[in-house]
Amino acid sequence: MVVTFCGHGEMTYSEETQRILYNILEELIDRGANKFLLGGYGRFDMLAARTVKTLKEKYPQTVSALIIPYMNHDFDAGLYDYSEYPPIENTPARFAILKRNE
């Protein structure tokens, strides 16, 4: 099962939010989730990537992938197993994230 994340760039971090996300993702892994597609932008994306990375310690069979909307942006590669750049190079920059999410 593949899990994707959609979230807002701005969010207030709390340990409770992290705990809830951890519990939800662990339940999804127990139900067969084994691949996580992450966006790499904004606070929610970072929370999701860090939570998946933490879960990988307990569930090493899971895979995390960064799906890149822009080639000219720096990402923390250590949070992901690999990255992909979908064929969106002809998409105007303001629509790149929307097109990537499709």
Protein backbone atom coordinates (compact mmCIF):
# COMPACT_ATOMS: atom_id res chain seq x y z
CA MET A 1 0.00 0.00 0.00
CA VAL A 2 1.28 3.44 -0.93
CA VAL A 3 0.61 6.40 1.38
CA THR A 4 0.87 10.01 0.24
CA PHE A 5 0.77 13.16 2.32
CA CYS A 6 -1.02 16.43 1.69
CA GLY A 7 -0.57 19.24 4.14
CA HIS A 8 -0.21 22.94 4.51
CA GLY A 9 3.13 24.68 4.46
CA GLU A 10 2.38 26.40 7.74
CA MET A 11 1.40 24.55 10.88
CA THR A 12 2.08 24.77 14.55
CA TYR A 13 4.17 21.83 15.68
CA SER A 14 3.25 20.01 18.86
CA GLU A 15 4.35 16.74 20.38
CA GLU A 16 0.70 15.69 20.41
CA THR A 17 0.44 16.21 16.65
CA GLN A 18 3.60 14.18 16.13
CA ARG A 19 2.30 11.40 18.38
CA ILE A 20 -1.03 11.27 16.55
CA LEU A 21 0.69 11.12 13.15
CA TYR A 22 3.06 8.41 14.42
CA ASN A 23 0.13 6.30 15.65
CA ILE A 24 -1.80 6.73 12.40
CA LEU A 25 1.21 5.77 10.28
CA GLU A 26 2.00 2.78 12.47
CA GLU A 27 -1.60 1.59 12.05
CA LEU A 28 -1.28 2.01 8.27
CA ILE A 29 1.95 -0.02 8.29
CA ASP A 30 0.19 -2.74 10.29
CA ARG A 31 -2.48 -2.75 7.55
CA GLY A 32 0.08 -3.13 4.75
CA ALA A 33 1.47 0.32 4.00
CA ASN A 34 5.05 -0.05 2.82
CA LYS A 35 5.78 3.03 0.70
CA PHE A 36 5.44 6.67 1.67
CA LEU A 37 5.51 9.48 -0.89
CA LEU A 38 6.55 12.79 0.63
CA GLY A 39 6.56 16.34 -0.69
CA GLY A 40 9.50 17.88 1.14
CA TYR A 41 7.98 21.36 1.47
CA GLY A 42 6.54 23.10 4.45
CA ARG A 43 6.21 22.18 8.06
CA PHE A 44 3.68 19.37 7.61
CA ASP A 45 5.85 17.69 4.98
CA MET A 46 8.85 17.87 7.31
CA LEU A 47 6.85 16.44 10.20
CA ALA A 48 5.65 13.60 7.98
CA ALA A 49 9.16 12.87 6.67
CA ARG A 50 10.68 12.84 10.16
CA THR A 51 7.90 10.62 11.47
CA VAL A 52 8.34 8.12 8.63
CA LYS A 53 12.09 8.12 9.23
CA THR A 54 11.50 7.36 12.93
CA LEU A 55 9.11 4.54 12.04
CA LYS A 56 11.69 3.05 9.65
CA GLU A 57 13.78 2.16 12.70
CA LYS A 58 10.99 -0.17 13.83
CA TYR A 59 9.75 -1.11 10.34
CA PRO A 60 12.85 -1.18 8.08
CA GLN A 61 10.85 -2.66 5.20
CA THR A 62 9.12 0.68 4.63
CA VAL A 63 10.33 2.97 1.87
CA SER A 64 10.18 6.76 1.83
CA ALA A 65 10.38 8.71 -1.41
CA LEU A 66 10.72 12.44 -1.94
CA ILE A 67 8.69 13.52 -4.97
CA ILE A 68 10.39 16.72 -6.12
CA PRO A 69 8.36 19.54 -7.70
CA TYR A 70 11.36 21.82 -8.39
CA MET A 71 14.89 20.91 -9.40
CA ASN A 72 16.39 24.11 -7.96
CA HIS A 73 15.46 23.55 -4.30
CA ASP A 74 17.60 21.99 -1.58
CA PHE A 75 16.14 19.05 0.32
CA ASP A 76 17.38 17.06 3.29
CA ALA A 77 18.20 13.87 1.40
CA GLY A 78 18.84 12.02 4.66
CA LEU A 79 15.11 11.90 5.37
CA TYR A 80 14.32 9.80 2.30
CA ASP A 81 15.37 6.52 0.72
CA TYR A 82 15.31 8.06 -2.75
CA SER A 83 13.83 10.93 -4.73
CA GLU A 84 11.91 11.22 -7.97
CA TYR A 85 11.31 14.13 -10.27
CA PRO A 86 8.05 13.50 -12.14
CA PRO A 87 7.80 14.64 -15.78
CA ILE A 88 6.62 18.16 -14.98
CA GLU A 89 9.49 20.23 -16.38
CA ASN A 90 7.16 22.01 -18.82
CA THR A 91 4.72 22.97 -16.06
CA PRO A 92 4.81 26.62 -14.97
CA ALA A 93 6.52 26.95 -11.58
CA ARG A 94 3.37 28.20 -9.85
CA PHE A 95 1.60 24.95 -10.78
CA ALA A 96 4.49 22.53 -10.17
CA ILE A 97 3.34 21.38 -6.73
CA LEU A 98 -0.23 20.85 -7.92
CA LYS A 99 0.98 18.88 -10.95
CA ARG A 100 3.38 16.84 -8.78
CA ASN A 101 0.54 15.99 -6.42
CA GLU A 102 -1.49 14.53 -9.26
